[in-house]
Amino acid sequence: MRVLLVEDTPALAASLGRGLAEEGFAVEHAARGADALDACARRPADVVVLDLGLPDLDGIAVLERLRAGGDVVPVLVLTARDAIEARVKALEAGADDYVVKPFSFEEVVARLRALARRAAAPRWAPLSAGDVVLTPGDPSARVAGAPVALSPRERALLEMLVRRRGEVLARPEILREVFGYEFDPGTNVVDVHVAHLRRKLRAASVRIETVRGFGYKLVEHA
């Protein structure tokens, strides 16, 4: 599998590149956004690892240009933990998935392989699970064909559930990725938002299931 690694920090690029090569990936490195676009045009990769903070074009601009040109290569974005708005923009611009810094190398490898498996159905396109559809740039959702208004946090939580449908999402992960907490604030903020979403998904063919002691997952109705 060919990976285009777009990262301008030399130490991180060297470490990631070396690790990915050891895992059997063929790695090409680009340190600038313009170089990444040239590389994609010259020889398409199977998957792209894209840092958002580049010295010329930022990662969002790279994504927008790729998608505007019809390139459907899966893109895994690297982003800072506290940059929730940037993550949302990246997903709306066409990113397929993201990991937050600092990240574990094992997670990056797992995400890349998952993206490659799903490459036939790019996740930057409208997301769906059953009759729930999320369209990039639209803050609402369509549930059984009808528009349903969502708050920004509800939208982020539902998108996380849809993207990883069938997987158990742990409460600490939801707190971090949806609400920006690196610690448990000792509130029921996750439960409250899940309850709101459940009410809004009553007409849907999917449901949010509680996995006691762990978190939640989105499943099809039996």
N, C-alpha and C. Protein backbone atom coordinates (compact mmCIF):
# COMPACT_ATOMS: atom_id res chain seq x y z
N MET A 1 0.84 -1.19 0.00
CA MET A 1 0.00 0.00 0.00
C MET A 1 0.88 1.24 0.00
N ARG A 2 0.58 2.16 -0.92
CA ARG A 2 1.36 3.39 -1.02
C ARG A 2 0.75 4.48 -0.15
N VAL A 3 1.57 5.08 0.69
CA VAL A 3 1.14 6.14 1.59
C VAL A 3 1.89 7.42 1.25
N LEU A 4 1.16 8.50 1.06
CA LEU A 4 1.77 9.81 0.94
C LEU A 4 1.70 10.46 2.31
N LEU A 5 2.86 10.72 2.91
CA LEU A 5 2.95 11.33 4.23
C LEU A 5 3.25 12.81 4.06
N VAL A 6 2.30 13.65 4.45
CA VAL A 6 2.44 15.10 4.30
C VAL A 6 2.63 15.70 5.68
N GLU A 7 3.88 15.97 6.03
CA GLU A 7 4.24 16.41 7.37
C GLU A 7 5.51 17.24 7.28
N ASP A 8 5.49 18.46 7.85
CA ASP A 8 6.65 19.34 7.71
C ASP A 8 7.61 19.29 8.89
N THR A 9 7.27 18.58 9.95
CA THR A 9 8.19 18.45 11.09
C THR A 9 9.14 17.28 10.81
N PRO A 10 10.43 17.57 10.61
CA PRO A 10 11.35 16.51 10.17
C PRO A 10 11.38 15.29 11.09
N ALA A 11 11.43 15.51 12.40
CA ALA A 11 11.54 14.38 13.32
C ALA A 11 10.31 13.49 13.26
N LEU A 12 9.13 14.11 13.23
CA LEU A 12 7.89 13.34 13.18
C LEU A 12 7.77 12.62 11.84
N ALA A 13 8.11 13.31 10.75
CA ALA A 13 8.05 12.70 9.43
C ALA A 13 8.98 11.49 9.35
N ALA A 14 10.19 11.63 9.90
CA ALA A 14 11.15 10.53 9.85
C ALA A 14 10.66 9.35 10.69
N SER A 15 10.13 9.65 11.87
CA SER A 15 9.66 8.58 12.75
C SER A 15 8.47 7.84 12.14
N LEU A 16 7.49 8.60 11.66
CA LEU A 16 6.31 7.98 11.06
C LEU A 16 6.68 7.21 9.80
N GLY A 17 7.51 7.82 8.97
CA GLY A 17 7.90 7.17 7.73
C GLY A 17 8.62 5.86 7.97
N ARG A 18 9.53 5.87 8.94
CA ARG A 18 10.28 4.65 9.27
C ARG A 18 9.34 3.57 9.80
N GLY A 19 8.43 3.97 10.71
CA GLY A 19 7.50 3.00 11.27
C GLY A 19 6.56 2.41 10.23
N LEU A 20 6.04 3.26 9.34
CA LEU A 20 5.13 2.78 8.31
C LEU A 20 5.86 1.84 7.34
N ALA A 21 7.10 2.16 7.02
CA ALA A 21 7.88 1.29 6.15
C ALA A 21 8.07 -0.08 6.79
N GLU A 22 8.32 -0.09 8.09
CA GLU A 22 8.50 -1.36 8.80
C GLU A 22 7.21 -2.17 8.83
N GLU A 23 6.05 -1.48 8.72
CA GLU A 23 4.76 -2.17 8.68
C GLU A 23 4.38 -2.62 7.27
N GLY A 24 5.26 -2.35 6.31
CA GLY A 24 5.02 -2.83 4.95
C GLY A 24 4.44 -1.80 4.00
N PHE A 25 4.30 -0.54 4.43
CA PHE A 25 3.81 0.51 3.56
C PHE A 25 4.95 1.06 2.70
N ALA A 26 4.64 1.45 1.49
CA ALA A 26 5.58 2.19 0.65
C ALA A 26 5.30 3.67 0.88
N VAL A 27 6.26 4.39 1.44
CA VAL A 27 6.02 5.75 1.91
C VAL A 27 6.70 6.78 1.01
N GLU A 28 5.93 7.78 0.59
CA GLU A 28 6.47 8.96 -0.07
C GLU A 28 6.21 10.14 0.85
N HIS A 29 7.20 11.01 0.99
CA HIS A 29 7.07 12.13 1.93
C HIS A 29 7.00 13.45 1.18
N ALA A 30 6.12 14.33 1.66
CA ALA A 30 6.04 15.71 1.18
C ALA A 30 5.97 16.62 2.38
N ALA A 31 6.76 17.69 2.39
CA ALA A 31 6.80 18.60 3.52
C ALA A 31 5.95 19.85 3.30
N ARG A 32 5.44 20.03 2.10
CA ARG A 32 4.65 21.22 1.77
C ARG A 32 3.36 20.80 1.08
N GLY A 33 2.34 21.65 1.23
CA GLY A 33 1.07 21.35 0.60
C GLY A 33 1.16 21.27 -0.91
N ALA A 34 1.89 22.20 -1.53
CA ALA A 34 2.03 22.20 -2.98
C ALA A 34 2.70 20.92 -3.46
N ASP A 35 3.71 20.47 -2.72
CA ASP A 35 4.39 19.21 -3.08
C ASP A 35 3.44 18.03 -2.96
N ALA A 36 2.56 18.05 -1.97
CA ALA A 36 1.60 16.97 -1.80
C ALA A 36 0.64 16.91 -2.99
N LEU A 37 0.16 18.06 -3.44
CA LEU A 37 -0.74 18.09 -4.58
C LEU A 37 -0.04 17.59 -5.84
N ASP A 38 1.23 18.00 -6.01
CA ASP A 38 2.01 17.52 -7.16
C ASP A 38 2.17 16.01 -7.11
N ALA A 39 2.45 15.48 -5.90
CA ALA A 39 2.64 14.05 -5.75
C ALA A 39 1.37 13.28 -6.08
N CYS A 40 0.22 13.80 -5.62
CA CYS A 40 -1.06 13.13 -5.90
C CYS A 40 -1.37 13.14 -7.40
N ALA A 41 -1.02 14.23 -8.08
CA ALA A 41 -1.29 14.33 -9.51
C ALA A 41 -0.34 13.43 -10.30
N ARG A 42 0.89 13.31 -9.81
CA ARG A 42 1.91 12.54 -10.53
C ARG A 42 1.71 11.04 -10.39
N ARG A 43 1.46 10.60 -9.18
CA ARG A 43 1.32 9.17 -8.92
C ARG A 43 0.39 8.99 -7.72
N PRO A 44 -0.88 8.74 -7.95
CA PRO A 44 -1.84 8.66 -6.85
C PRO A 44 -1.44 7.63 -5.80
N ALA A 45 -1.58 8.03 -4.54
CA ALA A 45 -1.32 7.12 -3.43
C ALA A 45 -2.58 6.33 -3.10
N ASP A 46 -2.42 5.29 -2.30
CA ASP A 46 -3.58 4.54 -1.83
C ASP A 46 -4.25 5.24 -0.65
N VAL A 47 -3.46 6.00 0.11
CA VAL A 47 -3.98 6.74 1.26
C VAL A 47 -3.01 7.88 1.57
N VAL A 48 -3.54 8.97 2.10
CA VAL A 48 -2.72 10.15 2.44
C VAL A 48 -2.81 10.40 3.94
N VAL A 49 -1.66 10.65 4.56
CA VAL A 49 -1.60 11.11 5.95
C VAL A 49 -1.25 12.58 5.88
N LEU A 50 -2.14 13.44 6.36
CA LEU A 50 -2.02 14.88 6.12
C LEU A 50 -2.01 15.68 7.41
N ASP A 51 -0.92 16.37 7.67
CA ASP A 51 -0.87 17.31 8.79
C ASP A 51 -1.57 18.60 8.37
N LEU A 52 -2.32 19.20 9.28
CA LEU A 52 -3.03 20.43 8.93
C LEU A 52 -2.13 21.66 8.93
N GLY A 53 -1.06 21.63 9.74
CA GLY A 53 -0.19 22.80 9.86
C GLY A 53 1.00 22.72 8.95
N LEU A 54 0.84 23.17 7.71
CA LEU A 54 1.92 23.12 6.72
C LEU A 54 2.42 24.54 6.44
N PRO A 55 3.66 24.68 5.95
CA PRO A 55 4.25 26.01 5.82
C PRO A 55 3.72 26.84 4.66
N ASP A 56 3.09 26.22 3.67
CA ASP A 56 2.57 27.00 2.55
C ASP A 56 1.05 26.92 2.53
N LEU A 57 0.50 25.96 1.84
CA LEU A 57 -0.94 25.70 1.91
C LEU A 57 -1.22 24.93 3.19
N ASP A 58 -2.28 25.31 3.91
CA ASP A 58 -2.59 24.48 5.07
C ASP A 58 -3.33 23.22 4.62
N GLY A 59 -3.50 22.28 5.55
CA GLY A 59 -4.11 21.01 5.20
C GLY A 59 -5.52 21.14 4.66
N ILE A 60 -6.28 22.11 5.17
CA ILE A 60 -7.64 22.31 4.69
C ILE A 60 -7.63 22.67 3.21
N ALA A 61 -6.72 23.57 2.82
CA ALA A 61 -6.63 23.97 1.41
C ALA A 61 -6.21 22.81 0.53
N VAL A 62 -5.31 21.97 1.02
CA VAL A 62 -4.90 20.79 0.27
C VAL A 62 -6.10 19.87 0.04
N LEU A 63 -6.86 19.63 1.10
CA LEU A 63 -8.06 18.79 0.99
C LEU A 63 -9.05 19.36 -0.02
N GLU A 64 -9.31 20.64 0.09
CA GLU A 64 -10.29 21.28 -0.80
C GLU A 64 -9.87 21.15 -2.25
N ARG A 65 -8.58 21.33 -2.51
CA ARG A 65 -8.10 21.24 -3.90
C ARG A 65 -8.15 19.81 -4.41
N LEU A 66 -7.82 18.86 -3.54
CA LEU A 66 -7.91 17.45 -3.95
C LEU A 66 -9.33 17.10 -4.34
N ARG A 67 -10.28 17.42 -3.46
CA ARG A 67 -11.67 17.04 -3.71
C ARG A 67 -12.27 17.82 -4.88
N ALA A 68 -11.89 19.09 -5.01
CA ALA A 68 -12.39 19.88 -6.13
C ALA A 68 -11.92 19.31 -7.46
N GLY A 69 -10.74 18.68 -7.44
CA GLY A 69 -10.21 18.06 -8.65
C GLY A 69 -10.70 16.65 -8.88
N GLY A 70 -11.59 16.17 -8.00
CA GLY A 70 -12.15 14.84 -8.18
C GLY A 70 -11.33 13.72 -7.59
N ASP A 71 -10.30 14.04 -6.82
CA ASP A 71 -9.45 13.01 -6.20
C ASP A 71 -10.17 12.42 -4.99
N VAL A 72 -10.40 11.12 -4.99
CA VAL A 72 -11.12 10.47 -3.90
C VAL A 72 -10.20 9.67 -2.99
N VAL A 73 -8.89 9.92 -3.06
CA VAL A 73 -7.96 9.19 -2.20
C VAL A 73 -8.35 9.35 -0.73
N PRO A 74 -8.37 8.27 0.06
CA PRO A 74 -8.66 8.41 1.48
C PRO A 74 -7.60 9.25 2.18
N VAL A 75 -8.04 10.16 3.05
CA VAL A 75 -7.14 11.08 3.74
C VAL A 75 -7.32 10.97 5.25
N LEU A 76 -6.23 10.67 5.94
CA LEU A 76 -6.20 10.65 7.40
C LEU A 76 -5.50 11.92 7.86
N VAL A 77 -6.20 12.76 8.62
CA VAL A 77 -5.67 14.05 9.06
C VAL A 77 -5.02 13.91 10.44
N LEU A 78 -3.88 14.59 10.61
CA LEU A 78 -3.23 14.72 11.90
C LEU A 78 -3.55 16.10 12.43
N THR A 79 -4.07 16.18 13.65
CA THR A 79 -4.51 17.47 14.17
C THR A 79 -4.24 17.57 15.67
N ALA A 80 -4.17 18.79 16.16
CA ALA A 80 -3.92 19.03 17.58
C ALA A 80 -5.15 18.69 18.41
N ARG A 81 -4.93 18.30 19.67
CA ARG A 81 -6.02 17.89 20.55
C ARG A 81 -7.05 19.00 20.76
N ASP A 82 -6.59 20.24 20.87
CA ASP A 82 -7.50 21.32 21.24
C ASP A 82 -8.12 22.01 20.02
N ALA A 83 -7.88 21.47 18.83
CA ALA A 83 -8.36 22.13 17.62
C ALA A 83 -9.63 21.46 17.10
N ILE A 84 -10.69 21.49 17.91
CA ILE A 84 -11.93 20.83 17.51
C ILE A 84 -12.50 21.46 16.25
N GLU A 85 -12.46 22.78 16.17
CA GLU A 85 -13.00 23.47 14.99
C GLU A 85 -12.24 23.05 13.74
N ALA A 86 -10.92 22.90 13.86
CA ALA A 86 -10.12 22.48 12.71
C ALA A 86 -10.48 21.07 12.26
N ARG A 87 -10.76 20.19 13.22
CA ARG A 87 -11.14 18.83 12.87
C ARG A 87 -12.45 18.83 12.10
N VAL A 88 -13.41 19.62 12.57
CA VAL A 88 -14.70 19.70 11.89
C VAL A 88 -14.51 20.23 10.48
N LYS A 89 -13.71 21.28 10.32
CA LYS A 89 -13.47 21.86 8.99
C LYS A 89 -12.79 20.85 8.08
N ALA A 90 -11.86 20.07 8.64
CA ALA A 90 -11.16 19.08 7.83
C ALA A 90 -12.13 18.01 7.33
N LEU A 91 -13.01 17.55 8.20
CA LEU A 91 -13.99 16.54 7.79
C LEU A 91 -14.94 17.11 6.74
N GLU A 92 -15.34 18.35 6.92
CA GLU A 92 -16.24 18.98 5.96
C GLU A 92 -15.54 19.22 4.62
N ALA A 93 -14.21 19.43 4.67
CA ALA A 93 -13.46 19.68 3.44
C ALA A 93 -13.15 18.40 2.68
N GLY A 94 -13.34 17.25 3.33
CA GLY A 94 -13.12 16.01 2.60
C GLY A 94 -12.25 14.99 3.28
N ALA A 95 -11.83 15.22 4.54
CA ALA A 95 -11.05 14.22 5.25
C ALA A 95 -11.91 13.00 5.54
N ASP A 96 -11.28 11.83 5.52
CA ASP A 96 -12.00 10.59 5.81
C ASP A 96 -11.95 10.25 7.30
N ASP A 97 -10.88 10.64 7.97
CA ASP A 97 -10.71 10.31 9.37
C ASP A 97 -9.62 11.21 9.93
N TYR A 98 -9.45 11.19 11.25
CA TYR A 98 -8.38 11.98 11.85
C TYR A 98 -7.88 11.30 13.11
N VAL A 99 -6.65 11.63 13.48
CA VAL A 99 -6.11 11.26 14.78
C VAL A 99 -5.54 12.53 15.39
N VAL A 100 -5.59 12.59 16.71
CA VAL A 100 -5.13 13.79 17.40
C VAL A 100 -3.73 13.58 17.98
N LYS A 101 -2.94 14.65 17.95
CA LYS A 101 -1.59 14.61 18.50
C LYS A 101 -1.63 14.91 20.00
N PRO A 102 -0.80 14.23 20.80
CA PRO A 102 0.06 13.11 20.42
C PRO A 102 -0.76 11.85 20.23
N PHE A 103 -0.37 11.03 19.27
CA PHE A 103 -1.13 9.83 18.95
C PHE A 103 -0.23 8.61 19.09
N SER A 104 -0.86 7.45 19.14
CA SER A 104 -0.09 6.21 19.16
C SER A 104 0.13 5.75 17.72
N PHE A 105 1.31 5.26 17.45
CA PHE A 105 1.62 4.79 16.10
C PHE A 105 0.68 3.65 15.71
N GLU A 106 0.36 2.78 16.66
CA GLU A 106 -0.52 1.65 16.37
C GLU A 106 -1.88 2.13 15.89
N GLU A 107 -2.38 3.24 16.48
CA GLU A 107 -3.68 3.77 16.05
C GLU A 107 -3.61 4.27 14.62
N VAL A 108 -2.52 4.96 14.28
CA VAL A 108 -2.35 5.46 12.91
C VAL A 108 -2.39 4.31 11.91
N VAL A 109 -1.65 3.25 12.20
CA VAL A 109 -1.61 2.09 11.31
C VAL A 109 -3.00 1.47 11.17
N ALA A 110 -3.70 1.31 12.29
CA ALA A 110 -5.04 0.72 12.25
C ALA A 110 -5.99 1.58 11.43
N ARG A 111 -5.92 2.89 11.62
CA ARG A 111 -6.82 3.79 10.88
C ARG A 111 -6.50 3.74 9.38
N LEU A 112 -5.21 3.71 9.03
CA LEU A 112 -4.83 3.66 7.62
C LEU A 112 -5.34 2.39 6.95
N ARG A 113 -5.19 1.28 7.63
CA ARG A 113 -5.65 0.02 7.04
C ARG A 113 -7.17 0.00 6.92
N ALA A 114 -7.85 0.58 7.91
CA ALA A 114 -9.32 0.65 7.82
C ALA A 114 -9.75 1.54 6.66
N LEU A 115 -9.06 2.65 6.47
CA LEU A 115 -9.39 3.53 5.35
C LEU A 115 -9.17 2.84 4.02
N ALA A 116 -8.10 2.09 3.91
CA ALA A 116 -7.82 1.38 2.66
C ALA A 116 -8.91 0.36 2.37
N ARG A 117 -9.40 -0.31 3.41
CA ARG A 117 -10.46 -1.29 3.22
C ARG A 117 -11.75 -0.63 2.75
N ARG A 118 -11.98 0.60 3.21
CA ARG A 118 -13.23 1.29 2.87
C ARG A 118 -13.08 2.22 1.67
N ALA A 119 -11.96 2.13 0.97
CA ALA A 119 -11.67 3.09 -0.10
C ALA A 119 -12.72 3.08 -1.21
N ALA A 120 -13.43 1.96 -1.36
CA ALA A 120 -14.45 1.91 -2.41
C ALA A 120 -15.64 2.81 -2.09
N ALA A 121 -15.78 3.21 -0.82
CA ALA A 121 -16.88 4.10 -0.43
C ALA A 121 -16.32 5.21 0.44
N PRO A 122 -15.69 6.24 -0.18
CA PRO A 122 -15.00 7.28 0.58
C PRO A 122 -15.90 7.94 1.61
N ARG A 123 -15.33 8.15 2.80
CA ARG A 123 -16.15 8.66 3.89
C ARG A 123 -16.27 10.18 3.89
N TRP A 124 -15.65 10.85 2.91
CA TRP A 124 -15.87 12.29 2.81
C TRP A 124 -17.19 12.59 2.10
N ALA A 125 -17.75 11.57 1.45
CA ALA A 125 -19.07 11.71 0.84
C ALA A 125 -20.11 11.75 1.97
N PRO A 126 -21.37 12.06 1.62
CA PRO A 126 -22.40 12.04 2.67
C PRO A 126 -22.35 10.75 3.48
N LEU A 127 -22.40 10.89 4.79
CA LEU A 127 -22.34 9.74 5.69
C LEU A 127 -23.74 9.22 5.94
N SER A 128 -23.85 7.90 6.05
CA SER A 128 -25.17 7.35 6.35
C SER A 128 -25.05 6.08 7.17
N ALA A 129 -26.07 5.86 7.97
CA ALA A 129 -26.22 4.62 8.71
C ALA A 129 -27.72 4.35 8.74
N GLY A 130 -28.14 3.27 8.08
CA GLY A 130 -29.57 3.06 7.94
C GLY A 130 -30.19 4.21 7.19
N ASP A 131 -31.24 4.81 7.75
CA ASP A 131 -31.89 5.94 7.10
C ASP A 131 -31.50 7.28 7.72
N VAL A 132 -30.35 7.30 8.41
CA VAL A 132 -29.79 8.55 8.93
C VAL A 132 -28.69 9.01 7.99
N VAL A 133 -28.80 10.24 7.48
CA VAL A 133 -27.83 10.76 6.51
C VAL A 133 -27.30 12.10 7.01
N LEU A 134 -25.97 12.22 6.99
CA LEU A 134 -25.29 13.46 7.33
C LEU A 134 -24.54 13.95 6.10
N THR A 135 -24.80 15.18 5.71
CA THR A 135 -24.15 15.76 4.54
C THR A 135 -23.13 16.79 4.98
N PRO A 136 -21.88 16.71 4.48
CA PRO A 136 -20.87 17.70 4.85
C PRO A 136 -21.36 19.12 4.62
N GLY A 137 -21.16 19.98 5.60
CA GLY A 137 -21.58 21.36 5.51
C GLY A 137 -23.00 21.63 5.95
N ASP A 138 -23.78 20.57 6.18
CA ASP A 138 -25.17 20.73 6.63
C ASP A 138 -25.23 20.42 8.12
N PRO A 139 -25.59 21.38 8.97
CA PRO A 139 -25.60 21.14 10.41
C PRO A 139 -26.72 20.22 10.88
N SER A 140 -27.69 19.97 10.02
CA SER A 140 -28.81 19.09 10.40
C SER A 140 -28.53 17.67 9.92
N ALA A 141 -29.46 16.79 10.17
CA ALA A 141 -29.40 15.42 9.68
C ALA A 141 -30.72 15.11 9.00
N ARG A 142 -30.71 14.10 8.15
CA ARG A 142 -31.96 13.59 7.58
C ARG A 142 -32.23 12.24 8.22
N VAL A 143 -33.40 12.12 8.82
CA VAL A 143 -33.79 10.90 9.52
C VAL A 143 -35.06 10.38 8.88
N ALA A 144 -34.98 9.21 8.27
CA ALA A 144 -36.12 8.64 7.56
C ALA A 144 -36.67 9.63 6.54
N GLY A 145 -35.76 10.37 5.90
CA GLY A 145 -36.14 11.29 4.84
C GLY A 145 -36.53 12.68 5.29
N ALA A 146 -36.62 12.91 6.59
CA ALA A 146 -37.04 14.22 7.11
C ALA A 146 -35.86 14.94 7.76
N PRO A 147 -35.77 16.27 7.58
CA PRO A 147 -34.68 17.01 8.22
C PRO A 147 -34.89 17.10 9.72
N VAL A 148 -33.80 16.93 10.47
CA VAL A 148 -33.84 17.02 11.93
C VAL A 148 -32.75 17.99 12.38
N ALA A 149 -33.15 19.04 13.11
CA ALA A 149 -32.19 20.03 13.58
C ALA A 149 -31.34 19.44 14.70
N LEU A 150 -30.04 19.78 14.66
CA LEU A 150 -29.10 19.31 15.68
C LEU A 150 -28.29 20.48 16.19
N SER A 151 -27.94 20.43 17.47
CA SER A 151 -26.97 21.40 18.00
C SER A 151 -25.59 21.00 17.48
N PRO A 152 -24.59 21.90 17.53
CA PRO A 152 -23.25 21.53 17.06
C PRO A 152 -22.68 20.30 17.76
N ARG A 153 -22.88 20.18 19.08
CA ARG A 153 -22.37 19.02 19.81
C ARG A 153 -23.14 17.75 19.44
N GLU A 154 -24.45 17.87 19.27
CA GLU A 154 -25.24 16.71 18.84
C GLU A 154 -24.78 16.25 17.46
N ARG A 155 -24.52 17.20 16.57
CA ARG A 155 -24.06 16.87 15.22
C ARG A 155 -22.71 16.16 15.27
N ALA A 156 -21.80 16.68 16.10
CA ALA A 156 -20.48 16.07 16.22
C ALA A 156 -20.56 14.66 16.81
N LEU A 157 -21.41 14.49 17.80
CA LEU A 157 -21.57 13.18 18.43
C LEU A 157 -22.20 12.20 17.46
N LEU A 158 -23.24 12.62 16.74
CA LEU A 158 -23.89 11.73 15.79
C LEU A 158 -22.93 11.36 14.67
N GLU A 159 -22.15 12.31 14.21
CA GLU A 159 -21.18 12.01 13.15
C GLU A 159 -20.16 10.98 13.62
N MET A 160 -19.70 11.13 14.85
CA MET A 160 -18.76 10.17 15.41
C MET A 160 -19.38 8.77 15.47
N LEU A 161 -20.63 8.70 15.90
CA LEU A 161 -21.32 7.42 15.99
C LEU A 161 -21.54 6.80 14.61
N VAL A 162 -21.90 7.63 13.64
CA VAL A 162 -22.16 7.12 12.29
C VAL A 162 -20.87 6.66 11.63
N ARG A 163 -19.82 7.46 11.76
CA ARG A 163 -18.54 7.09 11.16
C ARG A 163 -18.03 5.77 11.71
N ARG A 164 -18.30 5.53 12.98
CA ARG A 164 -17.75 4.33 13.61
C ARG A 164 -18.88 3.41 14.08
N ARG A 165 -19.94 3.37 13.27
CA ARG A 165 -21.11 2.56 13.60
C ARG A 165 -20.70 1.10 13.85
N GLY A 166 -21.31 0.54 14.88
CA GLY A 166 -20.99 -0.82 15.26
C GLY A 166 -19.84 -0.93 16.25
N GLU A 167 -19.04 0.14 16.37
CA GLU A 167 -17.94 0.16 17.33
C GLU A 167 -18.42 0.75 18.66
N VAL A 168 -17.84 0.29 19.74
CA VAL A 168 -18.14 0.88 21.05
C VAL A 168 -17.27 2.11 21.23
N LEU A 169 -17.90 3.25 21.47
CA LEU A 169 -17.18 4.49 21.73
C LEU A 169 -17.14 4.71 23.23
N ALA A 170 -15.95 4.72 23.78
CA ALA A 170 -15.80 4.88 25.23
C ALA A 170 -16.09 6.32 25.64
N ARG A 171 -16.63 6.48 26.83
CA ARG A 171 -16.98 7.82 27.32
C ARG A 171 -15.78 8.77 27.28
N PRO A 172 -14.58 8.37 27.75
CA PRO A 172 -13.43 9.30 27.68
C PRO A 172 -13.13 9.75 26.26
N GLU A 173 -13.31 8.86 25.30
CA GLU A 173 -13.06 9.20 23.90
C GLU A 173 -14.09 10.22 23.41
N ILE A 174 -15.35 10.02 23.78
CA ILE A 174 -16.39 10.97 23.39
C ILE A 174 -16.14 12.33 24.04
N LEU A 175 -15.78 12.32 25.32
CA LEU A 175 -15.50 13.57 26.02
C LEU A 175 -14.37 14.34 25.33
N ARG A 176 -13.35 13.60 24.89
CA ARG A 176 -12.20 14.24 24.26
C ARG A 176 -12.53 14.75 22.85
N GLU A 177 -13.13 13.88 22.03
CA GLU A 177 -13.29 14.21 20.63
C GLU A 177 -14.48 15.13 20.35
N VAL A 178 -15.54 15.03 21.14
CA VAL A 178 -16.74 15.83 20.89
C VAL A 178 -16.77 17.09 21.74
N PHE A 179 -16.32 16.96 22.99
CA PHE A 179 -16.45 18.09 23.93
C PHE A 179 -15.12 18.75 24.28
N GLY A 180 -14.00 18.14 23.88
CA GLY A 180 -12.70 18.75 24.11
C GLY A 180 -12.14 18.57 25.50
N TYR A 181 -12.69 17.64 26.29
CA TYR A 181 -12.20 17.41 27.64
C TYR A 181 -11.10 16.35 27.63
N GLU A 182 -9.98 16.67 28.26
CA GLU A 182 -8.91 15.69 28.43
C GLU A 182 -9.06 14.93 29.75
N PHE A 183 -10.12 15.22 30.47
CA PHE A 183 -10.38 14.59 31.76
C PHE A 183 -11.89 14.48 31.91
N ASP A 184 -12.33 13.65 32.83
CA ASP A 184 -13.76 13.52 33.09
C ASP A 184 -14.19 14.69 33.98
N PRO A 185 -15.04 15.58 33.48
CA PRO A 185 -15.43 16.75 34.26
C PRO A 185 -16.39 16.42 35.40
N GLY A 186 -16.78 15.16 35.50
CA GLY A 186 -17.68 14.77 36.58
C GLY A 186 -19.12 15.18 36.35
N THR A 187 -19.47 15.42 35.09
CA THR A 187 -20.86 15.77 34.76
C THR A 187 -21.45 14.68 33.88
N ASN A 188 -22.75 14.79 33.61
CA ASN A 188 -23.40 13.82 32.74
C ASN A 188 -23.60 14.38 31.33
N VAL A 189 -22.67 15.21 30.87
CA VAL A 189 -22.82 15.89 29.59
C VAL A 189 -22.97 14.89 28.44
N VAL A 190 -22.25 13.77 28.48
CA VAL A 190 -22.37 12.77 27.42
C VAL A 190 -23.75 12.15 27.44
N ASP A 191 -24.21 11.75 28.63
CA ASP A 191 -25.52 11.12 28.76
C ASP A 191 -26.64 12.05 28.29
N VAL A 192 -26.51 13.33 28.61
CA VAL A 192 -27.54 14.30 28.21
C VAL A 192 -27.62 14.40 26.69
N HIS A 193 -26.47 14.48 26.03
CA HIS A 193 -26.48 14.60 24.57
C HIS A 193 -26.94 13.31 23.91
N VAL A 194 -26.58 12.17 24.49
CA VAL A 194 -27.07 10.90 23.96
C VAL A 194 -28.59 10.83 24.08
N ALA A 195 -29.12 11.27 25.22
CA ALA A 195 -30.57 11.26 25.41
C ALA A 195 -31.27 12.15 24.38
N HIS A 196 -30.68 13.32 24.11
CA HIS A 196 -31.26 14.21 23.10
C HIS A 196 -31.25 13.55 21.73
N LEU A 197 -30.13 12.92 21.38
CA LEU A 197 -30.05 12.27 20.08
C LEU A 197 -31.03 11.11 19.97
N ARG A 198 -31.19 10.36 21.04
CA ARG A 198 -32.13 9.24 21.00
C ARG A 198 -33.54 9.72 20.68
N ARG A 199 -33.93 10.85 21.27
CA ARG A 199 -35.26 11.39 20.99
C ARG A 199 -35.38 11.79 19.52
N LYS A 200 -34.30 12.36 18.99
CA LYS A 200 -34.34 12.83 17.61
C LYS A 200 -34.21 11.69 16.60
N LEU A 201 -33.79 10.52 17.05
CA LEU A 201 -33.63 9.37 16.16
C LEU A 201 -34.75 8.35 16.35
N ARG A 202 -35.83 8.74 17.02
CA ARG A 202 -36.90 7.78 17.29
C ARG A 202 -37.49 7.17 16.01
N ALA A 203 -37.50 7.94 14.93
CA ALA A 203 -38.07 7.44 13.67
C ALA A 203 -37.04 6.71 12.82
N ALA A 204 -35.80 6.63 13.29
CA ALA A 204 -34.71 6.08 12.49
C ALA A 204 -34.66 4.56 12.56
N SER A 205 -33.95 3.99 11.60
CA SER A 205 -33.75 2.54 11.58
C SER A 205 -32.52 2.12 12.37
N VAL A 206 -31.90 3.08 13.05
CA VAL A 206 -30.75 2.79 13.92
C VAL A 206 -31.06 3.28 15.32
N ARG A 207 -30.31 2.78 16.28
CA ARG A 207 -30.47 3.25 17.65
C ARG A 207 -29.11 3.35 18.31
N ILE A 208 -29.03 4.19 19.34
CA ILE A 208 -27.80 4.31 20.13
C ILE A 208 -27.93 3.37 21.31
N GLU A 209 -27.05 2.40 21.35
CA GLU A 209 -27.11 1.36 22.37
C GLU A 209 -26.09 1.66 23.47
N THR A 210 -26.49 1.49 24.71
CA THR A 210 -25.57 1.65 25.85
C THR A 210 -24.82 0.35 26.08
N VAL A 211 -23.51 0.45 26.18
CA VAL A 211 -22.67 -0.70 26.53
C VAL A 211 -22.19 -0.43 27.95
N ARG A 212 -22.81 -1.04 28.91
CA ARG A 212 -22.58 -0.71 30.31
C ARG A 212 -21.10 -0.86 30.70
N GLY A 213 -20.63 0.17 31.37
CA GLY A 213 -19.25 0.17 31.82
C GLY A 213 -18.26 0.63 30.77
N PHE A 214 -18.74 0.87 29.51
CA PHE A 214 -17.83 1.27 28.45
C PHE A 214 -18.27 2.56 27.76
N GLY A 215 -19.45 2.54 27.15
CA GLY A 215 -19.87 3.73 26.41
C GLY A 215 -21.08 3.44 25.57
N TYR A 216 -21.03 3.84 24.29
CA TYR A 216 -22.20 3.74 23.40
C TYR A 216 -21.77 3.27 22.02
N LYS A 217 -22.73 2.70 21.28
CA LYS A 217 -22.50 2.37 19.89
C LYS A 217 -23.81 2.53 19.11
N LEU A 218 -23.66 2.77 17.82
CA LEU A 218 -24.82 2.92 16.94
C LEU A 218 -25.05 1.58 16.24
N VAL A 219 -26.27 1.08 16.33
CA VAL A 219 -26.59 -0.24 15.76
C VAL A 219 -27.89 -0.15 14.97
N GLU A 220 -28.04 -1.06 14.02
CA GLU A 220 -29.29 -1.19 13.27
C GLU A 220 -30.33 -1.83 14.16
N HIS A 221 -31.61 -1.46 13.96
CA HIS A 221 -32.69 -2.12 14.68
C HIS A 221 -32.71 -3.59 14.29
N ALA A 222 -32.91 -4.44 15.28
CA ALA A 222 -33.01 -5.89 15.00
C ALA A 222 -34.30 -6.18 14.26
